[in-house]
Amino acid sequence: MIAYRIVASPLGEVLLRADGARLSGLFFAGQKYYPAAATADAAVPAAAKPILEQAADELADYFAERLQAFTVPMLLAGSPFQRTVWQALCAIPFGETTSYGELAAGLGLAPTHARAVGGAVGRNPLSVIVPCHRVLGASGDLTGYAGGTDRKRALLRLEGTAAAMALPILRQSALAFE
C-alpha cells in the first residue's frame, strides 16, 4: 500500500512516498514527474509510518549538514537499465560530482550512451537520496534536474562541491544556502 507525507525543506515542500516498508519516492513540489495521484491526507498504513518518519528525519539532518549518506530502505522501481543507473548514482560520494559521460563509462557503456544515462538519471524517483544532482554536463554545466537547476545548484552548494563553488551565486532566493 502506498502512503505519502509532505515535509518542509529549505528548497520547498517535499513529497515522500512509501510503498509498504520502503521509501519509493521523494519529489519537490512542482517537480517534473511529481505523482499526479499523490495525497498526503489519507491514513498512513502502520508499515509505512516508520519509513516516512525515518526519511523525514534523514532529510532534515541532510539539510542541517548533519548527514551525508541516507540509510532509509528504498524501493527503486524502474527498468533494469534505470535501476543500474540509479545504483551507480548512489556510489557518487557526498561532495563530489561526475558527468553523464563518466557515469556511462563507469557502467561499461560507450560515451555515446551518455544521453540514455541522462534519461535514466532524469527519471530518478528519489531526488536527493539517490543523488542525481551530483551529475553535471561534460563541460561542468548544470544540465537538467527534475526539481529545477536552482535546486540542483543549492544541493551542490550544500555539499560543498568544487563544481558548485565555481557557479555564480544565486540572487536572494529561498533556494540558496547562505
Foldseek 3Di string as FASTA:
>chain_A
DKAWDWDAALLAIWIWIDDFQATEAIDHVPFPPDDPPDDNPDDDDPRCVVLVVLVRVQRVCLRVVNDFARDRHHDHDDDPVLVVLLVLLNVAGQQAAEELQVSCVVVVHHSVCSVVSVVSLQPGRYDPNSDSLRYDHPVLHRDDHRRDSLLSLQSNVSSVHPSSVPDDADDDDSNHDD
